[in-house]
Structure formats: structure tokens, C-alpha cells
Amino acid sequence: MAGILAWFWNERFWLPHNVTWADLKNTEEATFPQAEDLYLAFPVAFCLFMVRLIFERFVAKPCAIALNIQANGPQIAQPNAILEKVFTAITKHPDEKRLEGLSKQLDWDVRSIQHWFRQRRNQEKPSTLTRFCESMWKFSFVLYVFIYGVRFLKKTPWFWNTKHCWYNYPYQPLTTDLHYYYILELSFYWSLMFSQFTDIKRKDFAIMFLHHIIAVSLISFSYVSNMARAGTLVLCLHDSADTLLEAAKMANYARFQKMCDLLFIMFAMVFITSRLAVFPIWVLNTTLFESWEIIGPFPSWWVFNLLLLLVEGMNCFWSYLIIKMACKAVSRGKVSKDDRSDIESSSDEEDSEPPGKNPHTATTTNGTSGTNGYLLTGPCSMDD
């Protein structure tokens, strides 16, 4: 184990030439980031999770009820032991051959069986109230941390001149504000990574989980190698659009269609501008080119920039989905079902559709002006 740790913490990988870990030990004059500081993120993540439970129950839920958002779940499927056994033990999406076999066994038509399976799948989806509470928690936390980040960064020289991210590197002291900001963001992403298994299941589960892993890795990596100044720019920039995203989702759940449309347009503009324009021009420029001129490359420098390029790749992917959804919204005249959230959608069309009716001709019956889905569950973070 000692050999593995010595290999992992090799100074020639983590630090520039002629710099050792002993040079970055805390002294009375200065404090530097230490790897053991990151352990603090785990109890803080647990506390955030507990705060979330309290917030959703005593703040978000009363707000949802005040907005007439009910906790009613989807329509319950008619009890049937044979279909239930197939659903739980074999498949939730029976193919045509199995549907025909069940039709003969039960003396039901195929459309009725398809309708039963749709209703049964919808039973496992959370209510709109649950979705609203989740979005309100994310909105509140991200708004707080974004405001804190902006107020903190406005007082720093590297916010106004990114070359200060690298001057005197790696002998840049760790301030209390920077330490708090980093640990809070890291804890939030740890809490998201674990709660993703209990939150609303979405079809982009894998890429969001990968996103959280990259976010945690990038925050941890930049902290240990004392690239935290550049890291704060990444964090703040990626938080800028997320409040608008969650606000748009809350408006959608509350059936405020015009507000939802407006917030989504604002979110799309901020997201695409900040991540496809500001991020490469402001952040990648300093991490790739300004740092090369001032401190020169070393092994961990390459890894840090590779992670940032992966983040930008995910930004491009999500921007594509947003633009695709915006084009659909323009053609329909409203924000409609999102490509990233089909699995979390409350399929009211399916629930209210009588057996045998063609689902492609079903009309919305939920009174949401045609908004029969939920907006992007956006990347939250240091990509989040």
C-alpha cells in the first residue's frame, strides 16, 4: 500500500519541475490545499442530503401545494396477476410476440395489454409534486452557491485578469473563501452522485453519472494540484445557467406555460453562450495557452486540461439537445417534451388514453397547454 501511495502521489506527476510536496506544507504564514481536506466533503455531502430532505418537506412541498400542484400519482393499472408477473419478472416492455401470446392467454386485445403496461410503468414514476420539490431544492442551492461564487470572484484578481491564475504557481495561498467554495461545490456533486440512484430516473442517467464523476474528479484534481483559481472560474461559469433551468422546470410543473417558455429561452441563451463561447474563450484559453506561457506543461497539467475538454464535449452534446428542442418549440409554438427527459415524463396522454385508441392521435388532457413533458435536467456544475 505504501508503494501504491508513493506511486500515486509522485511529485513529478502532480507538481511542476523542482517543486515538492514539502514546499506546499502549511505554515504559519500561508495555508495551501492539502489532499486530506477533501475528506471533509463526505460529511458535508451527508449534511446537504439531510438539509435537502428537510427543505423539500417543509419548504418546497408547501410551496407546491400553494401552487395547486397535487401529489396524485398516475392512474393505477387494473390488477392482473399474469401481467404483473411478466412485468416484474420478465420485461416491462414486451415485444410483439409476447403481446400476442398474452392476448390469447387473457383473451384481451393487444392494444389493451399495451395500455396496461404503459399504465403499470407510469405507476413507478414520481408525482409532479415530487419533481417540483427536487427542482426547487436544486434551484435554491445553485442560486445560493452561484451568488456566493460571483461575490467571491469579484474581489479576486484572476477574475479580471486570468493570468493571475498562474502567477506564482503553485505557491498560491488558500483563502478561507476559496476553501469554503470548493468544499461546498464538491459536497454538492457527491450528494448528487449518490442521490441520482434515488431521484427521478432519466434516460440520460449514464451520461449524467459520468458528468458527476468528471465534476468530482475535476474539482478534486484541481484542488490537490492547487489549480483552484482556474477551478473557481469553471464552477461559477457552469452554475450560471442552472438556476434558469430549474426555474423553468418549476414553472412547467406549476403549469405556468408562458413563464416556462420565457425561462427556457433565457436558459438556452445563457447555457449556449456561457458554455460554447465564454468557456473556451475565457477558461480554456487560460488553462491551455496562458498557463503554457507562464508555468509550462507538466503531467497533471495535461490531465487537468483533458478533463476540461471532456467537459466541453458534454457541453456541446447538451447544447445540441437544447437547440434541437428549441427548434421543435418554435415549430409548435411552445416548449414541449424534452429529448433528455422522456423517461421522467408523466405520460398523461398514455394514462388517459382508452384501450384501443391510437396513442399517436391522443390529445393532451392535463391542462398544461400542451406541455406534456419536463424540461432538461441540466448539467449542474463543473462539468454540471
Protein backbone atom coordinates (compact mmCIF):
# COMPACT_ATOMS: atom_id res chain seq x y z
CA MET A 1 0.00 0.00 0.00
CA ALA A 2 2.86 2.35 0.80
CA GLY A 3 4.31 1.66 -2.63
CA ILE A 4 0.96 2.36 -4.32
CA LEU A 5 0.52 5.62 -2.42
CA ALA A 6 4.07 6.69 -3.25
CA TRP A 7 3.41 5.97 -6.92
CA PHE A 8 0.04 7.79 -6.90
CA TRP A 9 1.38 10.91 -5.18
CA ASN A 10 4.50 11.10 -7.32
CA GLU A 11 5.65 14.71 -7.25
CA ARG A 12 6.82 14.58 -10.84
CA PHE A 13 3.24 13.93 -11.93
CA TRP A 14 1.36 16.36 -9.69
CA LEU A 15 3.74 19.31 -9.44
CA PRO A 16 5.91 21.42 -11.75
CA HIS A 17 9.61 20.70 -12.03
CA ASN A 18 11.68 21.38 -8.87
CA VAL A 19 8.58 21.61 -6.64
CA THR A 20 7.94 19.06 -3.88
CA TRP A 21 5.07 18.34 -1.50
CA ALA A 22 7.23 19.64 1.33
CA ASP A 23 7.24 23.04 -0.34
CA LEU A 24 3.43 23.15 -0.08
CA LYS A 25 3.08 22.21 3.58
CA ASN A 26 1.02 24.59 5.68
CA THR A 27 2.95 27.15 7.68
CA GLU A 28 2.06 30.00 10.00
CA GLU A 29 2.49 32.41 7.11
CA ALA A 30 0.48 30.57 4.45
CA THR A 31 -2.02 27.75 4.00
CA PHE A 32 -2.04 25.57 0.89
CA PRO A 33 -4.58 22.98 -0.34
CA GLN A 34 -3.99 19.56 1.21
CA ALA A 35 -5.35 16.29 -0.15
CA GLU A 36 -6.82 15.34 3.24
CA ASP A 37 -9.03 18.45 3.09
CA LEU A 38 -11.19 16.62 0.55
CA TYR A 39 -12.38 14.12 3.17
CA LEU A 40 -14.45 16.95 4.62
CA ALA A 41 -16.70 16.76 1.56
CA PHE A 42 -18.25 13.45 2.67
CA PRO A 43 -19.82 14.61 5.96
CA VAL A 44 -20.81 17.87 4.29
CA ALA A 45 -22.46 15.91 1.45
CA PHE A 46 -24.41 13.90 4.02
CA CYS A 47 -25.48 17.12 5.75
CA LEU A 48 -26.59 18.56 2.42
CA PHE A 49 -28.67 15.47 1.78
CA MET A 50 -30.36 15.84 5.18
CA VAL A 51 -30.92 19.54 4.58
CA ARG A 52 -32.47 18.63 1.24
CA LEU A 53 -34.96 16.25 2.88
CA ILE A 54 -35.96 18.93 5.38
CA PHE A 55 -36.15 21.61 2.69
CA GLU A 56 -38.30 19.52 0.37
CA ARG A 57 -40.71 18.59 3.16
CA PHE A 58 -41.11 21.90 4.98
CA VAL A 59 -40.38 24.49 2.26
CA ALA A 60 -40.76 23.06 -1.24
CA LYS A 61 -43.84 20.93 -0.57
CA PRO A 62 -45.91 23.78 0.98
CA CYS A 63 -44.91 25.99 -1.98
CA ALA A 64 -46.04 23.29 -4.39
CA ILE A 65 -49.36 22.88 -2.61
CA ALA A 66 -49.84 26.67 -2.66
CA LEU A 67 -49.39 26.50 -6.43
CA ASN A 68 -52.05 23.76 -6.64
CA ILE A 69 -49.53 21.08 -7.53
CA GLN A 70 -51.02 17.84 -6.29
CA ALA A 71 -49.27 14.73 -5.09
CA ASN A 72 -51.59 12.50 -7.09
CA GLY A 73 -49.69 9.83 -8.95
CA PRO A 74 -50.53 8.34 -12.34
CA GLN A 75 -53.59 6.18 -12.93
CA ILE A 76 -53.32 2.72 -11.34
CA ALA A 77 -53.29 -0.24 -13.72
CA GLN A 78 -56.05 -2.81 -13.36
CA PRO A 79 -54.82 -5.67 -11.10
CA ASN A 80 -53.84 -8.72 -13.12
CA ALA A 81 -51.62 -11.45 -11.70
CA ILE A 82 -50.37 -12.75 -15.05
CA LEU A 83 -49.40 -9.36 -16.44
CA GLU A 84 -47.90 -8.34 -13.11
CA LYS A 85 -45.70 -11.45 -13.14
CA VAL A 86 -44.50 -10.66 -16.67
CA PHE A 87 -43.87 -7.03 -15.70
CA THR A 88 -41.86 -7.77 -12.56
CA ALA A 89 -40.04 -10.95 -13.57
CA ILE A 90 -39.59 -10.84 -17.34
CA THR A 91 -39.92 -7.48 -19.07
CA LYS A 92 -41.52 -4.08 -18.71
CA HIS A 93 -41.58 -3.64 -22.48
CA PRO A 94 -42.98 -6.83 -24.04
CA ASP A 95 -42.30 -7.38 -27.72
CA GLU A 96 -44.97 -8.14 -30.34
CA LYS A 97 -44.63 -11.91 -29.99
CA ARG A 98 -45.12 -11.81 -26.22
CA LEU A 99 -48.04 -9.41 -26.57
CA GLU A 100 -49.80 -11.81 -28.94
CA GLY A 101 -49.23 -14.69 -26.52
CA LEU A 102 -50.64 -12.71 -23.61
CA SER A 103 -53.58 -11.64 -25.77
CA LYS A 104 -54.51 -15.28 -26.42
CA GLN A 105 -53.93 -16.28 -22.79
CA LEU A 106 -56.04 -13.47 -21.32
CA ASP A 107 -58.50 -13.05 -24.19
CA TRP A 108 -57.58 -9.35 -24.34
CA ASP A 109 -56.80 -7.39 -27.48
CA VAL A 110 -53.17 -6.35 -27.94
CA ARG A 111 -53.88 -2.63 -27.52
CA SER A 112 -55.45 -3.24 -24.11
CA ILE A 113 -52.33 -5.13 -22.99
CA GLN A 114 -50.09 -2.37 -24.31
CA HIS A 115 -52.21 0.15 -22.42
CA TRP A 116 -51.89 -1.91 -19.22
CA PHE A 117 -48.10 -2.00 -19.49
CA ARG A 118 -47.97 1.77 -20.09
CA GLN A 119 -50.08 2.41 -17.02
CA ARG A 120 -48.00 -0.03 -14.96
CA ARG A 121 -44.75 1.65 -15.99
CA ASN A 122 -46.21 5.05 -15.15
CA GLN A 123 -47.10 3.84 -11.65
CA GLU A 124 -43.38 3.77 -10.82
CA LYS A 125 -42.86 7.37 -11.89
CA PRO A 126 -42.86 10.10 -9.24
CA SER A 127 -45.63 12.65 -8.98
CA THR A 128 -45.37 16.19 -10.26
CA LEU A 129 -45.10 17.38 -6.65
CA THR A 130 -42.01 15.20 -6.15
CA ARG A 131 -40.45 16.63 -9.30
CA PHE A 132 -41.24 20.18 -8.22
CA CYS A 133 -39.62 19.64 -4.81
CA GLU A 134 -36.47 18.22 -6.39
CA SER A 135 -36.20 21.16 -8.80
CA MET A 136 -36.85 23.73 -6.08
CA TRP A 137 -34.04 22.27 -3.94
CA LYS A 138 -31.58 22.39 -6.85
CA PHE A 139 -32.74 25.88 -7.77
CA SER A 140 -32.26 27.18 -4.23
CA PHE A 141 -28.86 25.60 -3.68
CA VAL A 142 -27.40 26.52 -7.08
CA LEU A 143 -28.71 30.09 -6.76
CA TYR A 144 -27.03 30.43 -3.37
CA VAL A 145 -23.69 28.97 -4.47
CA PHE A 146 -23.71 30.98 -7.71
CA ILE A 147 -24.32 34.27 -5.86
CA TYR A 148 -21.61 33.33 -3.37
CA GLY A 149 -19.20 32.50 -6.19
CA VAL A 150 -19.82 35.79 -8.02
CA ARG A 151 -19.39 37.83 -4.86
CA PHE A 152 -16.19 35.97 -4.02
CA LEU A 153 -14.69 36.13 -7.51
CA LYS A 154 -15.39 39.85 -7.95
CA LYS A 155 -12.82 40.50 -5.22
CA THR A 156 -10.13 38.31 -6.80
CA PRO A 157 -7.52 39.48 -9.35
CA TRP A 158 -7.84 36.35 -11.52
CA PHE A 159 -11.49 37.11 -12.26
CA TRP A 160 -10.43 40.29 -14.06
CA ASN A 161 -7.13 39.00 -15.45
CA THR A 162 -6.95 35.24 -15.86
CA LYS A 163 -3.15 35.27 -15.98
CA HIS A 164 -3.27 35.67 -12.20
CA CYS A 165 -4.42 32.05 -12.09
CA TRP A 166 -0.80 31.12 -12.86
CA TYR A 167 1.37 33.85 -11.42
CA ASN A 168 3.46 32.44 -8.55
CA TYR A 169 2.03 28.98 -9.17
CA PRO A 170 1.95 26.65 -7.24
CA TYR A 171 2.77 28.85 -4.23
CA GLN A 172 -0.67 30.42 -4.14
CA PRO A 173 -2.12 30.50 -0.60
CA LEU A 174 -5.54 29.00 0.08
CA THR A 175 -8.03 31.55 1.38
CA THR A 176 -10.99 30.71 3.61
CA ASP A 177 -13.50 31.81 0.97
CA LEU A 178 -11.90 29.66 -1.74
CA HIS A 179 -11.74 26.63 0.57
CA TYR A 180 -15.42 27.01 1.54
CA TYR A 181 -16.48 27.45 -2.10
CA TYR A 182 -14.61 24.37 -3.25
CA ILE A 183 -15.73 22.07 -0.44
CA LEU A 184 -19.36 23.17 -0.84
CA GLU A 185 -19.35 22.51 -4.59
CA LEU A 186 -17.56 19.18 -4.19
CA SER A 187 -20.01 18.10 -1.48
CA PHE A 188 -22.95 19.02 -3.68
CA TYR A 189 -21.67 16.85 -6.50
CA TRP A 190 -21.03 13.93 -4.17
CA SER A 191 -24.61 14.27 -2.90
CA LEU A 192 -25.92 14.38 -6.49
CA MET A 193 -23.92 11.31 -7.43
CA PHE A 194 -25.40 9.26 -4.60
CA SER A 195 -28.94 10.68 -4.77
CA GLN A 196 -29.07 10.01 -8.51
CA PHE A 197 -29.93 6.41 -7.66
CA THR A 198 -33.00 7.52 -5.66
CA ASP A 199 -34.03 10.60 -7.65
CA ILE A 200 -36.20 10.65 -10.76
CA LYS A 201 -34.80 8.18 -13.28
CA ARG A 202 -34.00 9.71 -16.66
CA LYS A 203 -32.77 8.23 -19.89
CA ASP A 204 -29.56 10.24 -19.69
CA PHE A 205 -28.71 8.55 -16.37
CA ALA A 206 -25.39 7.20 -17.70
CA ILE A 207 -24.11 10.48 -19.12
CA MET A 208 -25.23 12.39 -16.02
CA PHE A 209 -23.43 9.87 -13.81
CA LEU A 210 -20.35 10.28 -16.00
CA HIS A 211 -20.80 14.04 -15.68
CA HIS A 212 -20.84 13.82 -11.88
CA ILE A 213 -17.73 11.61 -11.87
CA ILE A 214 -15.89 14.10 -14.09
CA ALA A 215 -17.08 17.01 -11.94
CA VAL A 216 -15.88 15.35 -8.72
CA SER A 217 -12.60 14.35 -10.38
CA LEU A 218 -12.01 17.82 -11.80
CA ILE A 219 -12.78 19.61 -8.53
CA SER A 220 -10.62 17.20 -6.51
CA PHE A 221 -7.81 17.18 -9.05
CA SER A 222 -7.64 20.96 -9.37
CA TYR A 223 -7.72 21.36 -5.58
CA VAL A 224 -4.89 18.91 -4.88
CA SER A 225 -2.69 20.38 -7.62
CA ASN A 226 -3.57 23.92 -6.43
CA MET A 227 -5.17 24.91 -9.72
CA ALA A 228 -8.14 26.09 -7.69
CA ARG A 229 -8.12 29.61 -9.10
CA ALA A 230 -8.93 28.34 -12.57
CA GLY A 231 -11.32 25.86 -10.99
CA THR A 232 -13.39 28.64 -9.41
CA LEU A 233 -13.91 30.19 -12.85
CA VAL A 234 -15.16 26.87 -14.20
CA LEU A 235 -17.51 26.34 -11.26
CA CYS A 236 -19.07 29.79 -11.36
CA LEU A 237 -19.47 29.81 -15.13
CA HIS A 238 -21.22 26.45 -15.19
CA ASP A 239 -23.58 27.43 -12.37
CA SER A 240 -24.80 30.47 -14.30
CA ALA A 241 -27.46 28.71 -16.40
CA ASP A 242 -28.63 26.08 -13.92
CA THR A 243 -30.87 28.35 -11.87
CA LEU A 244 -32.81 29.30 -15.01
CA LEU A 245 -33.13 25.63 -15.90
CA GLU A 246 -34.64 24.65 -12.56
CA ALA A 247 -36.87 27.74 -12.55
CA ALA A 248 -38.20 26.77 -15.99
CA LYS A 249 -38.93 23.25 -14.77
CA MET A 250 -40.79 24.57 -11.72
CA ALA A 251 -42.87 26.84 -13.94
CA ASN A 252 -43.67 23.85 -16.13
CA TYR A 253 -44.75 21.72 -13.17
CA ALA A 254 -46.92 24.61 -11.93
CA ARG A 255 -48.46 24.90 -15.44
CA PHE A 256 -47.28 28.47 -15.97
CA GLN A 257 -46.73 27.91 -19.67
CA LYS A 258 -45.73 31.42 -20.74
CA MET A 259 -43.29 31.77 -17.85
CA CYS A 260 -41.91 28.33 -18.65
CA ASP A 261 -41.34 29.29 -22.29
CA LEU A 262 -39.65 32.56 -21.35
CA LEU A 263 -37.38 30.95 -18.75
CA PHE A 264 -36.44 28.19 -21.15
CA ILE A 265 -35.45 30.71 -23.83
CA MET A 266 -33.35 32.59 -21.26
CA PHE A 267 -31.78 29.32 -20.10
CA ALA A 268 -30.94 28.25 -23.65
CA MET A 269 -29.32 31.59 -24.43
CA VAL A 270 -27.25 31.67 -21.23
CA PHE A 271 -26.29 27.99 -21.48
CA ILE A 272 -25.09 28.11 -25.09
CA THR A 273 -23.35 31.48 -24.67
CA SER A 274 -21.57 30.58 -21.44
CA ARG A 275 -20.52 27.06 -22.39
CA LEU A 276 -19.82 27.29 -26.10
CA ALA A 277 -18.42 30.84 -26.20
CA VAL A 278 -17.31 32.15 -22.80
CA PHE A 279 -15.92 28.84 -21.53
CA PRO A 280 -13.46 28.23 -24.40
CA ILE A 281 -12.52 31.91 -24.81
CA TRP A 282 -12.17 32.70 -21.09
CA VAL A 283 -11.34 29.43 -19.33
CA LEU A 284 -9.79 27.08 -21.88
CA ASN A 285 -7.68 29.93 -23.22
CA THR A 286 -6.07 30.47 -19.82
CA THR A 287 -5.71 26.78 -18.89
CA LEU A 288 -4.24 25.79 -22.27
CA PHE A 289 -2.31 28.81 -23.53
CA GLU A 290 -1.69 31.34 -20.76
CA SER A 291 -0.61 28.62 -18.34
CA TRP A 292 1.69 27.14 -21.02
CA GLU A 293 3.45 30.52 -21.34
CA ILE A 294 3.71 31.22 -17.60
CA ILE A 295 4.39 27.84 -15.93
CA GLY A 296 4.77 25.39 -18.80
CA PRO A 297 3.17 21.92 -19.09
CA PHE A 298 3.71 19.00 -16.71
CA PRO A 299 1.84 15.66 -16.39
CA SER A 300 -1.05 16.77 -14.16
CA TRP A 301 -1.45 19.87 -16.35
CA TRP A 302 -2.29 17.60 -19.28
CA VAL A 303 -4.82 15.63 -17.21
CA PHE A 304 -6.47 18.81 -15.94
CA ASN A 305 -6.93 20.15 -19.46
CA LEU A 306 -8.12 16.78 -20.74
CA LEU A 307 -10.89 16.81 -18.12
CA LEU A 308 -11.85 20.34 -19.15
CA LEU A 309 -12.04 19.26 -22.79
CA LEU A 310 -14.30 16.36 -21.76
CA VAL A 311 -16.49 18.91 -20.01
CA GLU A 312 -16.66 20.96 -23.20
CA GLY A 313 -17.58 17.83 -25.14
CA MET A 314 -20.58 17.28 -22.84
CA ASN A 315 -21.44 20.97 -23.17
CA CYS A 316 -21.61 20.52 -26.94
CA PHE A 317 -23.82 17.44 -26.54
CA TRP A 318 -26.28 19.21 -24.25
CA SER A 319 -26.26 22.32 -26.43
CA TYR A 320 -27.23 20.15 -29.39
CA LEU A 321 -30.20 18.78 -27.42
CA ILE A 322 -31.24 22.27 -26.35
CA ILE A 323 -31.08 23.61 -29.90
CA LYS A 324 -33.00 20.57 -31.15
CA MET A 325 -35.69 21.14 -28.53
CA ALA A 326 -35.81 24.88 -29.29
CA CYS A 327 -36.42 24.14 -32.98
CA LYS A 328 -39.32 21.87 -32.02
CA ALA A 329 -40.67 24.54 -29.69
CA VAL A 330 -40.58 27.14 -32.44
CA SER A 331 -42.42 24.86 -34.85
CA ARG A 332 -45.07 24.05 -32.23
CA GLY A 333 -45.27 27.49 -30.67
CA LYS A 334 -44.43 26.27 -27.18
CA VAL A 335 -41.92 24.35 -25.12
CA SER A 336 -42.84 20.70 -25.38
CA LYS A 337 -41.47 17.31 -24.47
CA ASP A 338 -37.73 17.22 -23.95
CA ASP A 339 -35.41 14.74 -25.60
CA ARG A 340 -33.48 14.21 -22.39
CA SER A 341 -36.43 13.56 -20.11
CA ASP A 342 -38.72 11.07 -21.83
CA ILE A 343 -38.37 8.57 -19.03
CA GLU A 344 -39.31 11.07 -16.33
CA SER A 345 -42.28 12.41 -18.28
CA SER A 346 -45.68 11.86 -16.75
CA SER A 347 -47.35 10.24 -19.71
CA ASP A 348 -50.76 11.75 -19.26
CA GLU A 349 -51.55 11.03 -22.88
CA GLU A 350 -50.94 7.37 -22.23
CA ASP A 351 -52.70 7.31 -18.88
CA SER A 352 -55.89 8.91 -20.14
CA GLU A 353 -55.95 7.02 -23.39
CA PRO A 354 -58.69 4.38 -23.54
CA PRO A 355 -57.69 0.88 -24.58
CA GLY A 356 -57.58 0.52 -28.32
CA LYS A 357 -57.10 4.21 -29.08
CA ASN A 358 -54.13 5.07 -31.24
CA PRO A 359 -51.60 6.78 -28.96
CA HIS A 360 -50.29 8.90 -31.80
CA THR A 361 -53.66 10.64 -32.11
CA ALA A 362 -54.22 11.17 -28.40
CA THR A 363 -54.59 14.77 -27.27
CA THR A 364 -53.26 16.23 -24.05
CA THR A 365 -55.70 16.21 -21.19
CA ASN A 366 -53.63 17.59 -18.36
CA GLY A 367 -54.49 21.23 -19.00
CA THR A 368 -50.88 22.30 -19.45
CA SER A 369 -51.35 23.99 -22.79
CA GLY A 370 -49.77 21.02 -24.49
CA THR A 371 -46.68 20.83 -22.28
CA ASN A 372 -46.81 17.11 -21.68
CA GLY A 373 -43.25 16.65 -20.51
CA TYR A 374 -40.47 18.11 -18.49
CA LEU A 375 -37.59 20.29 -19.33
CA LEU A 376 -33.95 19.43 -19.42
CA THR A 377 -32.48 18.20 -16.19
CA GLY A 378 -29.44 20.25 -16.74
CA PRO A 379 -25.87 19.68 -16.03
CA CYS A 380 -25.18 21.31 -12.78
CA SER A 381 -21.73 22.16 -12.42
CA MET A 382 -18.21 21.93 -13.05
CA ASP A 383 -18.84 19.85 -15.89
CA ASP A 384 -22.51 20.11 -14.28
